[in-house]
Amino acid sequence: MIESNIIYNFEDFRTIISSKSQIDSYYLIYNDFYFEQIDKYTNLTRDTFTITGRFAKSFNIIKYMSFKVKDNYSTKELYEFLELSKQHTKILLTIYNPKKKDCFLLFISNRDDSKLEKDIINLIEMEK
């Protein structure tokens, strides 16, 4: 199941990122080359808001998708999946919790949102 929604304001932005950024999860901000592990000193809200401000224009819509995977993916495998998805969607933040198998994507919405959703569905269906 994929949960998807629009982020309407900074309070929503801060709440959703804070709730998803749990210790021992991994995060990837925009065009970084590798995932980093979240520890108690990590402030993803500030870093992500900075990136979002750099790439989002006032008329852009920021959305998120959250979903569970069934297999244990390494951060390298997830990175490869994201690289393919970035061809049609500007993904600003990815948070992956391998223990809970939760994945969270924050992105700039565009006419190709359905392609990202289709990529995620294909990933989940490959696991069956």
C-alpha atoms as a PDB file:
ATOM      1  CA  MET A   1       0.000   0.000   0.000  1.00  0.00           C
ATOM      2  CA  ILE A   2       1.278   3.416  -0.959  1.00  0.00           C
ATOM      3  CA  GLU A   3       0.414   6.444   1.126  1.00  0.00           C
ATOM      4  CA  SER A   4       0.651   9.711  -0.766  1.00  0.00           C
ATOM      5  CA  ASN A   5      -0.207  13.271   0.103  1.00  0.00           C
ATOM      6  CA  ILE A   6       0.596  16.921  -0.528  1.00  0.00           C
ATOM      7  CA  ILE A   7       2.543  18.937   2.019  1.00  0.00           C
ATOM      8  CA  TYR A   8       0.666  22.189   2.487  1.00  0.00           C
ATOM      9  CA  ASN A   9       2.862  24.197   4.843  1.00  0.00           C
ATOM     10  CA  PHE A  10       6.073  24.209   6.853  1.00  0.00           C
ATOM     11  CA  GLU A  11       4.388  22.710   9.923  1.00  0.00           C
ATOM     12  CA  ASP A  12       3.220  19.700   7.893  1.00  0.00           C
ATOM     13  CA  PHE A  13       6.692  19.497   6.350  1.00  0.00           C
ATOM     14  CA  ARG A  14       8.418  19.467   9.728  1.00  0.00           C
ATOM     15  CA  THR A  15       5.958  17.008  11.286  1.00  0.00           C
ATOM     16  CA  ILE A  16       6.142  14.420   8.515  1.00  0.00           C
ATOM     17  CA  ILE A  17       9.927  14.498   8.226  1.00  0.00           C
ATOM     18  CA  SER A  18      10.385  14.346  11.993  1.00  0.00           C
ATOM     19  CA  SER A  19       8.040  11.381  12.264  1.00  0.00           C
ATOM     20  CA  LYS A  20       9.831   9.470   9.478  1.00  0.00           C
ATOM     21  CA  SER A  21      13.409  10.201  10.538  1.00  0.00           C
ATOM     22  CA  GLN A  22      13.890   7.579  13.202  1.00  0.00           C
ATOM     23  CA  ILE A  23      17.258   6.581  14.612  1.00  0.00           C
ATOM     24  CA  ASP A  24      18.917   3.762  12.640  1.00  0.00           C
ATOM     25  CA  SER A  25      17.048   4.671   9.480  1.00  0.00           C
ATOM     26  CA  TYR A  26      19.001   5.852   6.456  1.00  0.00           C
ATOM     27  CA  TYR A  27      18.485   9.000   4.437  1.00  0.00           C
ATOM     28  CA  LEU A  28      19.496  10.290   1.041  1.00  0.00           C
ATOM     29  CA  ILE A  29      19.141  13.981   0.287  1.00  0.00           C
ATOM     30  CA  TYR A  30      18.580  14.898  -3.359  1.00  0.00           C
ATOM     31  CA  ASN A  31      21.748  14.090  -5.356  1.00  0.00           C
ATOM     32  CA  ASP A  32      23.957  12.641  -2.642  1.00  0.00           C
ATOM     33  CA  PHE A  33      25.870   9.551  -3.704  1.00  0.00           C
ATOM     34  CA  TYR A  34      25.114   7.397  -0.675  1.00  0.00           C
ATOM     35  CA  PHE A  35      22.694   6.943   2.190  1.00  0.00           C
ATOM     36  CA  GLU A  36      23.696   8.142   5.643  1.00  0.00           C
ATOM     37  CA  GLN A  37      22.469   6.670   8.887  1.00  0.00           C
ATOM     38  CA  ILE A  38      20.265   8.804  11.114  1.00  0.00           C
ATOM     39  CA  ASP A  39      21.513   9.313  14.638  1.00  0.00           C
ATOM     40  CA  LYS A  40      20.177  11.397  17.497  1.00  0.00           C
ATOM     41  CA  TYR A  41      22.025  14.490  16.241  1.00  0.00           C
ATOM     42  CA  THR A  42      20.667  14.394  12.698  1.00  0.00           C
ATOM     43  CA  ASN A  43      18.447  17.346  11.783  1.00  0.00           C
ATOM     44  CA  LEU A  44      16.791  16.341   8.533  1.00  0.00           C
ATOM     45  CA  THR A  45      14.126  19.029   8.659  1.00  0.00           C
ATOM     46  CA  ARG A  46      16.637  21.863   8.308  1.00  0.00           C
ATOM     47  CA  ASP A  47      18.762  20.148   5.636  1.00  0.00           C
ATOM     48  CA  THR A  48      15.752  19.065   3.587  1.00  0.00           C
ATOM     49  CA  PHE A  49      14.069  22.463   3.850  1.00  0.00           C
ATOM     50  CA  THR A  50      17.262  24.061   2.496  1.00  0.00           C
ATOM     51  CA  ILE A  51      17.325  21.688  -0.482  1.00  0.00           C
ATOM     52  CA  THR A  52      13.602  22.137  -1.082  1.00  0.00           C
ATOM     53  CA  GLY A  53      13.998  25.911  -1.108  1.00  0.00           C
ATOM     54  CA  ARG A  54      16.808  25.625  -3.631  1.00  0.00           C
ATOM     55  CA  PHE A  55      14.859  23.507  -6.126  1.00  0.00           C
ATOM     56  CA  ALA A  56      11.199  24.316  -5.534  1.00  0.00           C
ATOM     57  CA  LYS A  57       9.613  27.412  -6.974  1.00  0.00           C
ATOM     58  CA  SER A  58       6.654  29.102  -5.326  1.00  0.00           C
ATOM     59  CA  PHE A  59       4.229  27.375  -7.703  1.00  0.00           C
ATOM     60  CA  ASN A  60       5.621  23.854  -7.129  1.00  0.00           C
ATOM     61  CA  ILE A  61       3.724  21.300  -5.106  1.00  0.00           C
ATOM     62  CA  ILE A  62       5.709  19.200  -2.657  1.00  0.00           C
ATOM     63  CA  LYS A  63       4.367  15.681  -2.113  1.00  0.00           C
ATOM     64  CA  TYR A  64       5.420  12.546  -0.346  1.00  0.00           C
ATOM     65  CA  MET A  65       4.906   8.842  -0.848  1.00  0.00           C
ATOM     66  CA  SER A  66       5.378   6.298   1.867  1.00  0.00           C
ATOM     67  CA  PHE A  67       5.345   2.547   1.339  1.00  0.00           C
ATOM     68  CA  LYS A  68       6.544  -0.758   2.763  1.00  0.00           C
ATOM     69  CA  VAL A  69       8.801  -3.187   0.977  1.00  0.00           C
ATOM     70  CA  LYS A  70       8.713  -6.896   1.701  1.00  0.00           C
ATOM     71  CA  ASP A  71      12.316  -7.796   0.962  1.00  0.00           C
ATOM     72  CA  ASN A  72      15.373  -6.587   2.805  1.00  0.00           C
ATOM     73  CA  TYR A  73      16.909  -4.107   0.418  1.00  0.00           C
ATOM     74  CA  SER A  74      20.360  -2.738   0.911  1.00  0.00           C
ATOM     75  CA  THR A  75      20.784   1.002   0.609  1.00  0.00           C
ATOM     76  CA  LYS A  76      22.724   0.334  -2.604  1.00  0.00           C
ATOM     77  CA  GLU A  77      19.780  -1.532  -4.142  1.00  0.00           C
ATOM     78  CA  LEU A  78      17.391   1.227  -3.113  1.00  0.00           C
ATOM     79  CA  TYR A  79      19.779   3.840  -4.511  1.00  0.00           C
ATOM     80  CA  GLU A  80      19.726   2.069  -7.880  1.00  0.00           C
ATOM     81  CA  PHE A  81      15.929   2.056  -7.860  1.00  0.00           C
ATOM     82  CA  LEU A  82      15.895   5.780  -7.043  1.00  0.00           C
ATOM     83  CA  GLU A  83      18.312   6.593  -9.843  1.00  0.00           C
ATOM     84  CA  LEU A  84      15.846   5.151 -12.336  1.00  0.00           C
ATOM     85  CA  SER A  85      12.944   7.031 -10.757  1.00  0.00           C
ATOM     86  CA  LYS A  86      14.866  10.321 -10.781  1.00  0.00           C
ATOM     87  CA  GLN A  87      14.737  10.331 -14.561  1.00  0.00           C
ATOM     88  CA  HIS A  88      11.183  11.669 -14.395  1.00  0.00           C
ATOM     89  CA  THR A  89      10.784  12.942 -10.810  1.00  0.00           C
ATOM     90  CA  LYS A  90      12.867  15.299  -8.659  1.00  0.00           C
ATOM     91  CA  ILE A  91      13.174  13.333  -5.403  1.00  0.00           C
ATOM     92  CA  LEU A  92      14.356  15.640  -2.631  1.00  0.00           C
ATOM     93  CA  LEU A  93      14.597  13.197   0.269  1.00  0.00           C
ATOM     94  CA  THR A  94      14.473   9.457   0.778  1.00  0.00           C
ATOM     95  CA  ILE A  95      14.268   7.844   4.212  1.00  0.00           C
ATOM     96  CA  TYR A  96      14.580   4.089   4.476  1.00  0.00           C
ATOM     97  CA  ASN A  97      14.133   2.042   7.634  1.00  0.00           C
ATOM     98  CA  PRO A  98      15.416  -1.491   6.904  1.00  0.00           C
ATOM     99  CA  LYS A  99      14.115  -2.887  10.195  1.00  0.00           C
ATOM    100  CA  LYS A 100      10.534  -1.760   9.572  1.00  0.00           C
ATOM    101  CA  LYS A 101      10.949  -1.973   5.781  1.00  0.00           C
ATOM    102  CA  ASP A 102       9.481   1.509   5.435  1.00  0.00           C
ATOM    103  CA  CYS A 103      10.435   3.820   2.617  1.00  0.00           C
ATOM    104  CA  PHE A 104       9.533   7.511   2.421  1.00  0.00           C
ATOM    105  CA  LEU A 105      10.036   9.768  -0.605  1.00  0.00           C
ATOM    106  CA  LEU A 106       9.660  13.553  -0.613  1.00  0.00           C
ATOM    107  CA  PHE A 107       9.490  14.989  -4.124  1.00  0.00           C
ATOM    108  CA  ILE A 108       8.400  17.867  -6.311  1.00  0.00           C
ATOM    109  CA  SER A 109       5.108  16.969  -7.898  1.00  0.00           C
ATOM    110  CA  ASN A 110       4.788  17.089 -11.670  1.00  0.00           C
ATOM    111  CA  ARG A 111       2.733  15.549 -14.447  1.00  0.00           C
ATOM    112  CA  ASP A 112       4.789  12.348 -14.133  1.00  0.00           C
ATOM    113  CA  ASP A 113       3.759  11.489 -10.551  1.00  0.00           C
ATOM    114  CA  SER A 114       1.982   8.436 -11.886  1.00  0.00           C
ATOM    115  CA  LYS A 115       5.302   7.154 -13.279  1.00  0.00           C
ATOM    116  CA  LEU A 116       6.848   7.295  -9.816  1.00  0.00           C
ATOM    117  CA  GLU A 117       3.872   5.464  -8.355  1.00  0.00           C
ATOM    118  CA  LYS A 118       4.120   2.877 -11.121  1.00  0.00           C
ATOM    119  CA  ASP A 119       7.851   2.414 -10.385  1.00  0.00           C
ATOM    120  CA  ILE A 120       7.027   1.792  -6.726  1.00  0.00           C
ATOM    121  CA  ILE A 121       4.249  -0.653  -7.575  1.00  0.00           C
ATOM    122  CA  ASN A 122       6.642  -2.516  -9.890  1.00  0.00           C
ATOM    123  CA  LEU A 123       9.237  -2.669  -7.114  1.00  0.00           C
ATOM    124  CA  ILE A 124       6.701  -4.069  -4.665  1.00  0.00           C
ATOM    125  CA  GLU A 125       5.318  -6.546  -7.209  1.00  0.00           C
ATOM    126  CA  MET A 126       8.812  -7.820  -8.062  1.00  0.00           C
ATOM    127  CA  GLU A 127       9.052  -8.991  -4.469  1.00  0.00           C
ATOM    128  CA  LYS A 128       6.161 -11.435  -4.800  1.00  0.00           C
END
